[in-house]
Amino acid sequence: MYEFLSLRVKCPVCGKMLMDEEQMVDNEASIRLNIEMQGKKGTIHLSSVYGSYNYQCDLDLAAGNVATFYCPNCKNHLTSSVECQTCGAPMVPFHLEMGGKVAICSRAGCKNHTVEFTDLSDALRRMYQEYGFRGKESPKPEERPVYRIEKKEDEFKEIIESGAFLQTYCPHCLKSLIQDDMIKLDITNEKNETGVVMLSPYLNVFTSKSTVFLREHETLKDIQCPHCHQSLRLVDKRCDWCNSPVAMINVSARTKFIKFYICTKKGCRWHGLSDDDLYEMRIEDSLEW
């Protein structure tokens, strides 16, 4: 469960928060730092989701090169005497808001990081209560109603409520896409790298994690079922918000399977139902996925 947590960090020198609430990466507030590599300076926004290596940067970070990181508030160089156990580059330290430390490798492409807590038992308690993968302060699924019936103008519509756990299936082989309480899908990015993306199955909870690097606003080349490996991407439908291609999965409603569309562009939160299903049901707060 811990790998889907969003960690909030502070500068180890001045103690000020490094979180950028406006610039999102992986649908969470990002960690904003100044960066320098090969004589060029810029700004980088790191994902705050533990275990994610996604970022946004206005520099081209060539894999293998070592970067220098600075606090955007006090301008101090963030480094330590500790070397990465994987590649030998200096580790970059941060303080955790919940107490403890986290460090990342300064070499582009290296995925080594470490976390240590001041009080492990207290940190674990706070993680479960505040930073679980269902979202902050989100009730357990059995405590939240999933569907309700709404009458309007002599018509009855089934409402999928925000926070509902969506039992999700492949539209081709009909096997469940749920694994470890997440929606698991095979993906191919723009560089033809293949991997896995894990999406929150709770409606309007946006936690996600991928095993390959996905740039913000990148459109996936393909999304496939991990069982039958059939493509879930549609050729005749586009996102209503950004006009990117969409993928379709099946969601089990109370009365039947429904077609549930998601956008293939990273960071776009559009989702929707088919025209036929909209006659019988709607999604509560259906502005985001």
Protein backbone atom coordinates (compact mmCIF):
# COMPACT_ATOMS: atom_id res chain seq x y z
CA MET A 1 0.00 0.00 0.00
CA TYR A 2 2.81 2.43 0.85
CA GLU A 3 4.08 2.72 -2.75
CA PHE A 4 0.94 4.66 -3.76
CA LEU A 5 1.40 7.33 -1.08
CA SER A 6 1.83 11.00 -1.86
CA LEU A 7 4.71 12.27 0.25
CA ARG A 8 4.97 15.96 1.19
CA VAL A 9 8.54 17.17 1.63
CA LYS A 10 10.44 20.17 3.00
CA CYS A 11 13.84 21.68 2.30
CA PRO A 12 16.38 20.18 4.75
CA VAL A 13 18.17 23.56 4.97
CA CYS A 14 15.45 26.24 5.38
CA GLY A 15 12.58 23.94 6.36
CA LYS A 16 10.13 25.45 3.84
CA MET A 17 7.72 23.25 1.93
CA LEU A 18 8.78 22.26 -1.59
CA MET A 19 5.28 21.31 -2.74
CA ASP A 20 3.73 22.99 -5.78
CA GLU A 21 -0.04 22.67 -5.42
CA GLU A 22 -0.74 24.07 -8.89
CA GLN A 23 1.70 22.03 -10.98
CA MET A 24 0.42 18.45 -10.82
CA VAL A 25 2.41 15.32 -11.64
CA ASP A 26 0.63 11.96 -11.39
CA ASN A 27 -2.48 13.94 -10.40
CA GLU A 28 -0.83 15.05 -7.16
CA ALA A 29 0.96 18.21 -6.02
CA SER A 30 4.54 18.08 -7.33
CA ILE A 31 7.90 18.67 -5.65
CA ARG A 32 9.37 21.85 -7.19
CA LEU A 33 13.16 22.28 -7.36
CA ASN A 34 15.70 24.30 -9.28
CA ILE A 35 18.00 22.09 -11.32
CA GLU A 36 21.33 22.40 -13.16
CA MET A 37 22.82 19.90 -15.59
CA GLN A 38 25.79 20.35 -17.94
CA GLY A 39 25.84 24.10 -17.33
CA LYS A 40 22.14 24.61 -18.08
CA LYS A 41 19.69 25.75 -15.38
CA GLY A 42 15.97 25.14 -15.15
CA THR A 43 13.05 23.99 -13.00
CA ILE A 44 11.94 20.43 -12.35
CA HIS A 45 8.69 19.15 -10.86
CA LEU A 46 9.07 15.68 -9.37
CA SER A 47 6.21 13.30 -8.67
CA SER A 48 5.36 13.16 -4.97
CA VAL A 49 3.87 9.68 -5.38
CA TYR A 50 6.23 7.26 -3.68
CA GLY A 51 7.57 4.77 -6.20
CA SER A 52 6.82 6.98 -9.24
CA TYR A 53 9.69 8.37 -11.33
CA ASN A 54 7.65 10.78 -13.44
CA TYR A 55 8.57 14.44 -13.64
CA GLN A 56 8.24 17.62 -15.67
CA CYS A 57 11.34 19.64 -16.52
CA ASP A 58 12.18 22.51 -18.85
CA LEU A 59 15.59 20.93 -19.51
CA ASP A 60 16.37 17.83 -21.55
CA LEU A 61 17.72 15.42 -18.91
CA ALA A 62 19.97 12.93 -20.67
CA ALA A 63 20.05 9.56 -18.92
CA GLY A 64 23.30 8.93 -17.07
CA ASN A 65 24.16 12.56 -16.35
CA VAL A 66 24.29 13.82 -12.76
CA ALA A 67 22.15 16.86 -11.92
CA THR A 68 22.53 19.46 -9.17
CA PHE A 69 19.38 20.39 -7.24
CA TYR A 70 18.63 23.62 -5.36
CA CYS A 71 15.84 24.75 -3.04
CA PRO A 72 13.68 27.34 -4.88
CA ASN A 73 13.19 29.20 -1.59
CA CYS A 74 16.63 29.53 0.04
CA LYS A 75 18.63 28.65 -3.14
CA ASN A 76 20.84 26.24 -1.19
CA HIS A 77 22.40 23.24 -2.90
CA LEU A 78 20.58 20.08 -1.78
CA THR A 79 23.15 17.30 -1.49
CA SER A 80 24.60 14.89 1.03
CA SER A 81 27.76 12.89 1.64
CA VAL A 82 25.78 9.69 1.07
CA GLU A 83 26.35 8.07 -2.33
CA CYS A 84 23.79 6.10 -4.29
CA GLN A 85 24.27 2.39 -3.65
CA THR A 86 23.26 1.67 -7.26
CA CYS A 87 25.37 4.11 -9.30
CA GLY A 88 27.58 6.05 -6.85
CA ALA A 89 26.10 9.51 -7.53
CA PRO A 90 25.32 11.88 -4.62
CA MET A 91 21.91 11.44 -3.01
CA VAL A 92 19.54 14.43 -2.76
CA PRO A 93 17.89 14.68 0.71
CA PHE A 94 14.49 16.03 1.76
CA HIS A 95 12.63 16.13 5.07
CA LEU A 96 9.18 14.54 5.25
CA GLU A 97 6.33 16.64 6.59
CA MET A 98 5.15 13.63 8.61
CA GLY A 99 8.60 13.21 10.16
CA GLY A 100 11.64 11.49 8.70
CA LYS A 101 13.72 11.78 5.56
CA VAL A 102 13.61 10.75 1.92
CA ALA A 103 16.50 10.84 -0.55
CA ILE A 104 16.67 10.38 -4.33
CA CYS A 105 19.62 9.75 -6.64
CA SER A 106 20.92 12.77 -8.56
CA ARG A 107 21.73 10.75 -11.69
CA ALA A 108 19.09 10.96 -14.44
CA GLY A 109 17.56 7.55 -15.06
CA CYS A 110 18.62 6.00 -11.73
CA LYS A 111 15.60 4.89 -9.72
CA ASN A 112 17.26 4.46 -6.34
CA HIS A 113 15.63 6.21 -3.39
CA THR A 114 15.51 5.76 0.37
CA VAL A 115 12.98 6.60 3.07
CA GLU A 116 13.49 6.64 6.83
CA PHE A 117 11.02 7.74 9.48
CA THR A 118 11.62 9.49 12.79
CA ASP A 119 8.83 7.45 14.43
CA LEU A 120 7.94 4.44 12.26
CA SER A 121 4.76 3.46 14.12
CA ASP A 122 3.40 7.00 14.03
CA ALA A 123 4.31 7.40 10.35
CA LEU A 124 2.57 4.16 9.41
CA ARG A 125 -0.54 5.19 11.31
CA ARG A 126 -0.64 8.54 9.52
CA MET A 127 -0.06 6.85 6.16
CA TYR A 128 -3.05 4.59 6.60
CA GLN A 129 -5.28 7.36 7.89
CA GLU A 130 -4.28 10.25 5.64
CA TYR A 131 -2.38 9.02 2.59
CA GLY A 132 -3.96 5.72 1.59
CA PHE A 133 -4.35 4.89 -2.10
CA ARG A 134 -8.12 5.54 -1.88
CA GLY A 135 -7.37 9.23 -1.32
CA LYS A 136 -7.14 11.40 1.75
CA GLU A 137 -9.90 10.84 4.28
CA SER A 138 -11.75 8.60 1.84
CA PRO A 139 -14.06 6.11 3.59
CA LYS A 140 -13.70 2.39 3.03
CA PRO A 141 -15.82 1.21 0.11
CA GLU A 142 -18.29 -0.67 2.31
CA GLU A 143 -19.02 2.58 4.19
CA ARG A 144 -19.84 4.56 1.05
CA PRO A 145 -22.95 3.94 -1.06
CA VAL A 146 -22.06 2.83 -4.58
CA TYR A 147 -25.28 3.28 -6.54
CA ARG A 148 -28.56 5.05 -5.97
CA ILE A 149 -31.73 5.51 -7.98
CA GLU A 150 -32.80 9.02 -8.94
CA LYS A 151 -36.21 9.95 -10.35
CA LYS A 152 -36.45 12.91 -12.70
CA GLU A 153 -39.35 13.79 -14.95
CA ASP A 154 -40.92 10.34 -14.57
CA GLU A 155 -37.63 8.65 -15.52
CA PHE A 156 -35.43 6.58 -13.21
CA LYS A 157 -31.66 6.79 -13.55
CA GLU A 158 -29.02 4.74 -11.79
CA ILE A 159 -26.34 7.01 -10.29
CA ILE A 160 -22.74 5.84 -9.89
CA GLU A 161 -21.61 7.83 -6.87
CA SER A 162 -18.27 9.54 -6.49
CA GLY A 163 -15.97 7.26 -4.46
CA ALA A 164 -17.65 4.06 -5.65
CA PHE A 165 -15.39 1.06 -6.16
CA LEU A 166 -15.66 0.20 -9.86
CA GLN A 167 -15.51 -3.52 -10.54
CA THR A 168 -13.68 -3.41 -13.86
CA TYR A 169 -13.42 -6.00 -16.64
CA CYS A 170 -11.88 -6.39 -20.08
CA PRO A 171 -14.51 -5.86 -22.81
CA HIS A 172 -12.91 -8.64 -24.89
CA CYS A 173 -12.19 -11.58 -22.55
CA LEU A 174 -14.40 -10.30 -19.65
CA LYS A 175 -11.70 -11.09 -17.07
CA SER A 176 -11.33 -8.79 -14.07
CA LEU A 177 -8.80 -5.98 -14.38
CA ILE A 178 -8.59 -5.55 -10.60
CA GLN A 179 -5.34 -6.58 -8.94
CA ASP A 180 -4.34 -5.62 -5.39
CA ASP A 181 -7.28 -3.18 -5.26
CA MET A 182 -6.05 -1.31 -8.36
CA ILE A 183 -6.96 -1.42 -12.06
CA LYS A 184 -4.01 -3.04 -13.85
CA LEU A 185 -3.47 -2.35 -17.57
CA ASP A 186 -0.59 -2.98 -19.98
CA ILE A 187 0.61 0.17 -21.76
CA THR A 188 2.95 1.33 -24.53
CA ASN A 189 4.31 4.89 -24.40
CA GLU A 190 5.40 7.21 -27.22
CA LYS A 191 8.90 5.66 -27.23
CA ASN A 192 7.44 2.16 -27.73
CA GLU A 193 8.46 1.22 -24.18
CA THR A 194 6.04 -1.27 -22.64
CA GLY A 195 5.00 -1.53 -19.03
CA VAL A 196 2.09 -1.51 -16.61
CA VAL A 197 -0.11 1.27 -15.27
CA MET A 198 -2.08 0.93 -12.04
CA LEU A 199 -5.16 3.16 -11.72
CA SER A 200 -7.39 3.77 -8.73
CA PRO A 201 -10.71 1.88 -9.13
CA TYR A 202 -12.50 4.43 -6.92
CA LEU A 203 -14.52 6.88 -9.00
CA ASN A 204 -12.98 10.38 -8.91
CA VAL A 205 -9.91 9.20 -6.93
CA PHE A 206 -6.97 9.79 -9.25
CA THR A 207 -4.05 7.78 -7.82
CA SER A 208 -1.96 6.12 -10.51
CA LYS A 209 1.47 4.62 -11.04
CA SER A 210 3.31 3.33 -14.11
CA THR A 211 6.41 1.17 -14.52
CA VAL A 212 7.58 3.22 -17.53
CA PHE A 213 8.21 6.96 -17.62
CA LEU A 214 5.18 8.93 -18.80
CA ARG A 215 5.56 12.62 -19.51
CA GLU A 216 2.73 14.85 -18.33
CA HIS A 217 0.26 15.32 -21.22
CA GLU A 218 1.78 12.40 -23.13
CA THR A 219 -0.74 10.29 -25.05
CA LEU A 220 -0.32 6.54 -24.67
CA LYS A 221 0.34 4.70 -27.88
CA ASP A 222 -1.72 1.74 -26.67
CA ILE A 223 -3.51 0.28 -23.65
CA GLN A 224 -4.08 -3.47 -23.49
CA CYS A 225 -5.76 -6.07 -21.33
CA PRO A 226 -3.08 -7.89 -19.26
CA HIS A 227 -4.94 -11.20 -19.80
CA CYS A 228 -5.84 -11.44 -23.50
CA HIS A 229 -3.51 -8.60 -24.64
CA GLN A 230 -6.24 -7.10 -26.83
CA SER A 231 -6.08 -3.34 -27.34
CA LEU A 232 -8.60 -1.30 -25.33
CA ARG A 233 -8.01 1.83 -27.41
CA LEU A 234 -10.88 2.89 -29.68
CA VAL A 235 -10.40 4.12 -33.24
CA ASP A 236 -13.73 5.93 -33.59
CA LYS A 237 -13.99 7.91 -30.33
CA ARG A 238 -12.06 10.87 -28.94
CA CYS A 239 -11.85 12.57 -25.55
CA ASP A 240 -14.50 15.27 -25.10
CA TRP A 241 -11.97 17.53 -23.37
CA CYS A 242 -8.65 17.24 -25.24
CA ASN A 243 -9.59 15.25 -28.37
CA SER A 244 -7.06 12.51 -27.56
CA PRO A 245 -7.84 8.84 -28.26
CA VAL A 246 -9.78 7.03 -25.54
CA ALA A 247 -9.79 3.49 -24.19
CA MET A 248 -12.82 1.49 -23.12
CA ILE A 249 -13.23 -0.86 -20.17
CA ASN A 250 -16.31 -2.58 -18.78
CA VAL A 251 -17.65 -1.57 -15.38
CA SER A 252 -20.17 -3.67 -13.50
CA ALA A 253 -23.23 -1.61 -12.58
CA ARG A 254 -26.03 -3.02 -10.47
CA THR A 255 -28.00 -4.21 -13.48
CA LYS A 256 -25.44 -4.86 -16.24
CA PHE A 257 -21.98 -4.19 -17.71
CA ILE A 258 -21.54 -0.63 -18.92
CA LYS A 259 -19.00 0.84 -21.33
CA PHE A 260 -16.67 3.17 -19.42
CA TYR A 261 -14.36 5.47 -21.41
CA ILE A 262 -11.05 6.91 -20.15
CA CYS A 263 -8.70 9.33 -21.91
CA THR A 264 -5.25 8.02 -23.00
CA LYS A 265 -3.56 11.38 -22.38
CA LYS A 266 -1.66 11.51 -19.09
CA GLY A 267 -3.10 14.14 -16.78
CA CYS A 268 -6.46 14.38 -18.56
CA ARG A 269 -9.24 13.43 -16.13
CA TRP A 270 -12.10 13.05 -18.57
CA HIS A 271 -14.21 9.90 -18.41
CA GLY A 272 -17.63 9.05 -19.76
CA LEU A 273 -20.31 6.52 -20.60
CA SER A 274 -21.70 5.41 -23.94
CA ASP A 275 -24.76 7.19 -25.33
CA ASP A 276 -26.88 4.08 -24.73
CA ASP A 277 -25.86 3.81 -21.07
CA LEU A 278 -26.52 7.52 -20.48
CA TYR A 279 -30.23 6.86 -21.00
CA GLU A 280 -30.26 4.66 -17.87
CA MET A 281 -27.52 6.02 -15.61
CA ARG A 282 -25.05 8.80 -15.02
CA ILE A 283 -21.84 9.37 -13.09
CA GLU A 284 -21.89 11.62 -10.04
CA ASP A 285 -19.44 14.56 -10.31
CA SER A 286 -18.36 13.26 -13.71
CA LEU A 287 -15.79 15.95 -14.41
CA GLU A 288 -12.67 13.93 -13.57
CA TRP A 289 -11.18 10.44 -13.61
